[in-house]
Each structure stands twice: as structure tokens, then as C-alpha cells.
Amino acid sequence: MSKTSPVNVEDTGQQPRRPTRQQAEEAVRTLLAWAGDDPARPGLANTPMRVAAAFEERFSGYAADPAAELARTFEDVSGYADMILLRDVRLESHCEHHIAPFVGVAHVAYVPDRRVVGLSKLARVVDIFARRLQVQESLTAQIATTIQDVLAPKGVAVMIRATHQCMTLRDVNQPAATMVTTHFTGVFDTEHDWRDRFLQAVQAPHGDRYT
């Protein structure tokens, strides 16, 4: 009699079943006990509840649709077709390898092709993707690709600068190290002039105009 093969989630296209809040809290208790402490002692009694609530907030990006944030656009922009840049969008994310925080800023630019979107929507796209377990390289590409796919501009440029706690809390011990990632599409990828303008703009001191 042949055995039934285990179901592969990737083969079925189904999402894995999400545990209940109670199961999540129980998992935290298990980790506390594994670390060597007593989850039942007064100081830790409510920790599982707090950790579950913190995870719910920190990883709320899984329940949000970044593409939907870009759905409402404006076409009456009086023929504007130059670069639109949103600088210094603060982001807080967590490394998928250690669940350690990394914190930094994102610079997001695009060259519109008739349609523009509210600046707050660009910040929301950054925030939604950041509130998922990430590596910085993927986070950078996801932001740029989503804007390119939904708005269909002439090009998108994204730069992220961030510091990673996995570089400071582990034996690497490099607290001053900063990681910089970029992703370019369209004219920013194919035309050096557009890319140079973006890089000059994000590196210029606040208050300075770029040329």
C-alpha cells in the first residue's frame, strides 16, 4: 500500500494556515522556557500577550496591499513630466534571518507618464513592505517594482540606507556600518543622466537645490 505524499503548499498555491493568537502566545512561552526562564513567573506572565501584540503591529504589512495604495492617481498635472522625489522616508523593518530590527530611510523617485500619485501613498508603500520580514535588497526591489507595475511611469528609482542590529548585537560588532541598496527601472536604469540626477538629489544637503 503506497503512502500519501505530504502536501506541498507551493504546489497547491494555498497559503499556510495562520495560527491562532492563543497558539502564538503559547509559542512565546515555549521560547521563554527554552531560554531557561519560567514563563509563569510574575515578570513574564504577560510577556506572551505583549509579544504577540508587538508582532501584530510590526508585521502588519502582510495584511495590507501596497498596490492598492497607488490605485488613486491624478492626470491633471499641467504637463509635468520631470522627476518626482520623496526623500528621507523613515522605515523600520526586521531581518528575516534573525528577526533583528534594521532602521533607516528610503528615497523614492519616479518620472511620471501622465499619472501621478499622492506623496503619502509612496510612503505607505515603503511602510507596508517594511512591516514584513525582509532583507534590505528585496525590500528595495519590491518598492520599486510595485510603483513601476502600478503607475507605469517612465522610470522608478529607490535607495535605502539602513543600519542593522544583526551587525551590532552579534559578534560582528560593527555599530557604525550602514547598508545602501538601490533599484532602478526604466529611464533611471537605461539613462545615466536620470540616474545621476537622482543620486545628486538624495545626497544633497537639506535645503540645497539640485541641477
Protein backbone atom coordinates (compact mmCIF):
# COMPACT_ATOMS: atom_id res chain seq x y z
CA MET A 1 0.00 0.00 0.00
CA SER A 2 1.54 3.30 -1.10
CA LYS A 3 1.89 6.19 1.29
CA THR A 4 0.31 9.54 0.55
CA SER A 5 2.87 12.22 -0.19
CA PRO A 6 2.79 15.29 2.08
CA VAL A 7 1.03 18.29 0.62
CA ASN A 8 3.41 20.91 -0.68
CA VAL A 9 1.99 24.38 -0.10
CA GLU A 10 3.89 25.75 -3.09
CA ASP A 11 2.38 23.09 -5.37
CA THR A 12 -1.21 23.83 -4.32
CA GLY A 13 -0.88 27.58 -4.30
CA GLN A 14 -2.54 27.66 -0.87
CA GLN A 15 -1.36 29.84 1.98
CA PRO A 16 -0.31 28.02 5.16
CA ARG A 17 -2.92 28.14 7.89
CA ARG A 18 -2.34 31.07 10.21
CA PRO A 19 -2.04 30.06 13.88
CA THR A 20 -4.45 31.48 16.40
CA ARG A 21 -3.47 34.23 18.84
CA GLN A 22 -3.51 31.62 21.61
CA GLN A 23 -1.09 29.41 19.67
CA ALA A 24 1.20 32.37 19.05
CA GLU A 25 1.29 33.21 22.75
CA GLU A 26 1.99 29.58 23.60
CA ALA A 27 4.91 29.61 21.17
CA VAL A 28 6.38 32.58 23.05
CA ARG A 29 6.04 30.68 26.33
CA THR A 30 7.92 27.78 24.76
CA LEU A 31 10.76 30.09 23.71
CA LEU A 32 10.93 31.65 27.17
CA ALA A 33 11.18 28.22 28.74
CA TRP A 34 13.78 27.15 26.15
CA ALA A 35 15.84 30.23 27.04
CA GLY A 36 15.93 28.93 30.62
CA ASP A 37 13.37 31.09 32.37
CA ASP A 38 9.98 30.37 33.91
CA PRO A 39 7.15 31.73 31.71
CA ALA A 40 4.79 31.57 34.68
CA ARG A 41 6.74 33.89 36.96
CA PRO A 42 5.09 37.30 37.55
CA GLY A 43 7.52 39.29 35.42
CA LEU A 44 6.91 37.08 32.37
CA ALA A 45 3.26 36.15 32.84
CA ASN A 46 2.00 38.77 30.37
CA THR A 47 5.02 38.70 28.07
CA PRO A 48 3.49 36.28 25.54
CA MET A 49 0.49 38.58 25.15
CA ARG A 50 2.74 41.63 24.67
CA VAL A 51 4.99 39.86 22.18
CA ALA A 52 2.02 38.69 20.11
CA ALA A 53 0.63 42.24 20.07
CA ALA A 54 4.04 43.61 19.07
CA PHE A 55 4.30 41.10 16.20
CA GLU A 56 0.83 42.09 15.05
CA GLU A 57 1.94 45.72 14.79
CA ARG A 58 5.46 45.19 13.45
CA PHE A 59 4.34 42.81 10.72
CA SER A 60 1.05 44.43 9.77
CA GLY A 61 2.34 44.73 6.21
CA TYR A 62 1.23 41.18 5.47
CA ALA A 63 -2.40 42.28 5.83
CA ALA A 64 -2.05 45.33 3.58
CA ASP A 65 -1.90 45.66 -0.21
CA PRO A 66 0.79 48.11 -1.35
CA ALA A 67 -0.55 48.17 -4.91
CA ALA A 68 -3.95 49.33 -3.64
CA GLU A 69 -2.29 52.39 -2.10
CA LEU A 70 -1.34 53.53 -5.62
CA ALA A 71 -4.76 52.95 -7.19
CA ARG A 72 -5.93 56.56 -6.98
CA THR A 73 -3.92 58.71 -9.38
CA PHE A 74 -4.16 62.20 -10.87
CA GLU A 75 -3.70 63.07 -14.52
CA ASP A 76 -4.28 66.85 -14.44
CA VAL A 77 -0.70 67.91 -13.67
CA SER A 78 -0.34 70.66 -16.30
CA GLY A 79 2.04 68.62 -18.40
CA TYR A 80 4.54 67.96 -15.60
CA ALA A 81 6.95 65.23 -16.72
CA ASP A 82 10.03 65.72 -14.55
CA MET A 83 11.30 63.63 -11.66
CA ILE A 84 9.18 63.42 -8.52
CA LEU A 85 11.28 62.61 -5.45
CA LEU A 86 10.26 61.78 -1.90
CA ARG A 87 13.31 61.88 0.34
CA ASP A 88 14.04 60.55 3.80
CA VAL A 89 11.06 58.26 4.31
CA ARG A 90 11.79 56.67 7.67
CA LEU A 91 11.47 52.90 7.73
CA GLU A 92 11.70 50.26 10.41
CA SER A 93 11.86 46.65 9.33
CA HIS A 94 13.09 43.29 10.60
CA CYS A 95 15.69 40.98 9.12
CA GLU A 96 14.18 37.66 8.08
CA HIS A 97 17.32 35.81 9.20
CA HIS A 98 17.41 36.88 12.86
CA ILE A 99 14.19 38.93 13.28
CA ALA A 100 16.52 41.75 14.32
CA PRO A 101 15.46 45.31 13.52
CA PHE A 102 17.01 47.41 10.81
CA VAL A 103 16.24 51.11 10.66
CA GLY A 104 16.90 53.72 8.02
CA VAL A 105 15.46 55.93 5.32
CA ALA A 106 14.19 55.36 1.81
CA HIS A 107 14.41 57.78 -1.11
CA VAL A 108 11.80 57.13 -3.78
CA ALA A 109 11.59 58.84 -7.17
CA TYR A 110 9.71 58.33 -10.42
CA VAL A 111 9.26 60.10 -13.73
CA PRO A 112 5.51 60.15 -14.43
CA ASP A 113 3.90 59.22 -17.70
CA ARG A 114 0.65 61.24 -17.40
CA ARG A 115 -0.28 59.84 -13.97
CA VAL A 116 0.96 60.94 -10.55
CA VAL A 117 0.07 59.75 -7.08
CA GLY A 118 -0.11 61.45 -3.71
CA LEU A 119 3.24 61.53 -1.89
CA SER A 120 1.76 59.94 1.21
CA LYS A 121 0.94 56.89 -0.91
CA LEU A 122 4.61 56.41 -1.77
CA ALA A 123 5.42 56.49 1.94
CA ARG A 124 2.69 53.94 2.59
CA VAL A 125 4.17 51.56 0.02
CA VAL A 126 7.52 51.80 1.80
CA ASP A 127 5.90 51.22 5.18
CA ILE A 128 3.81 48.23 4.07
CA PHE A 129 6.76 46.36 2.63
CA ALA A 130 8.93 47.31 5.61
CA ARG A 131 6.39 45.79 8.00
CA ARG A 132 7.23 42.31 6.77
CA LEU A 133 10.21 40.06 7.41
CA GLN A 134 12.74 41.29 4.90
CA VAL A 135 16.24 41.53 3.57
CA GLN A 136 17.10 45.05 2.51
CA GLU A 137 17.85 44.07 -1.08
CA SER A 138 14.39 42.56 -1.55
CA LEU A 139 12.69 45.46 0.22
CA THR A 140 14.32 47.93 -2.18
CA ALA A 141 13.30 45.95 -5.26
CA GLN A 142 9.73 45.36 -4.05
CA ILE A 143 9.09 49.07 -3.56
CA ALA A 144 10.45 49.99 -7.00
CA THR A 145 8.77 47.13 -8.85
CA THR A 146 5.35 47.82 -7.33
CA ILE A 147 5.47 51.50 -8.26
CA GLN A 148 6.61 50.62 -11.77
CA ASP A 149 3.92 47.96 -12.25
CA VAL A 150 1.01 50.01 -10.91
CA LEU A 151 1.79 53.55 -12.11
CA ALA A 152 3.64 52.56 -15.31
CA PRO A 153 5.91 55.64 -15.12
CA LYS A 154 8.90 56.25 -17.37
CA GLY A 155 11.12 55.02 -14.57
CA VAL A 156 11.48 54.44 -10.83
CA ALA A 157 14.50 54.87 -8.54
CA VAL A 158 14.70 53.67 -4.94
CA MET A 159 17.59 53.97 -2.50
CA ILE A 160 17.57 52.69 1.07
CA ARG A 161 20.19 53.44 3.73
CA ALA A 162 19.85 51.42 6.92
CA THR A 163 21.70 50.16 9.97
CA HIS A 164 21.14 46.57 11.03
CA GLN A 165 21.11 45.35 14.61
CA CYS A 166 22.35 41.96 13.47
CA MET A 167 25.61 43.84 12.78
CA THR A 168 25.76 45.26 16.32
CA LEU A 169 24.25 42.59 18.59
CA ARG A 170 26.23 39.67 17.21
CA ASP A 171 29.97 39.02 17.19
CA VAL A 172 30.39 41.13 14.02
CA ASN A 173 30.12 44.21 16.28
CA GLN A 174 30.06 46.95 13.63
CA PRO A 175 27.62 49.55 15.04
CA ALA A 176 28.62 52.25 12.53
CA ALA A 177 28.13 50.12 9.41
CA THR A 178 25.42 51.33 7.04
CA MET A 179 23.98 49.30 4.19
CA VAL A 180 22.98 51.10 0.98
CA THR A 181 20.84 49.45 -1.68
CA THR A 182 19.38 50.80 -4.93
CA HIS A 183 16.96 49.62 -7.57
CA PHE A 184 16.33 51.35 -10.89
CA THR A 185 13.75 50.79 -13.62
CA GLY A 186 13.01 52.49 -16.93
CA VAL A 187 14.94 55.69 -17.64
CA PHE A 188 16.80 55.50 -14.33
CA ASP A 189 18.16 52.14 -15.42
CA THR A 190 18.96 52.98 -19.05
CA GLU A 191 19.92 56.67 -18.98
CA HIS A 192 22.83 57.86 -16.87
CA ASP A 193 21.59 61.45 -16.75
CA TRP A 194 18.40 60.49 -14.94
CA ARG A 195 20.26 58.23 -12.53
CA ASP A 196 22.84 60.92 -11.79
CA ARG A 197 20.13 63.48 -11.08
CA PHE A 198 18.52 61.10 -8.62
CA LEU A 199 21.79 60.33 -6.85
CA GLN A 200 22.71 64.01 -6.64
CA ALA A 201 19.28 64.88 -5.27
CA VAL A 202 19.29 62.29 -2.47
CA GLN A 203 22.85 63.14 -1.47
CA ALA A 204 22.38 66.92 -1.44
CA PRO A 205 22.16 68.58 1.98
CA HIS A 206 18.67 69.61 3.02
CA GLY A 207 17.73 72.97 1.57
CA ASP A 208 20.06 72.67 -1.40
CA ARG A 209 18.67 72.60 -4.90
CA TYR A 210 19.93 70.10 -7.41
CA THR A 211 20.69 70.85 -11.02
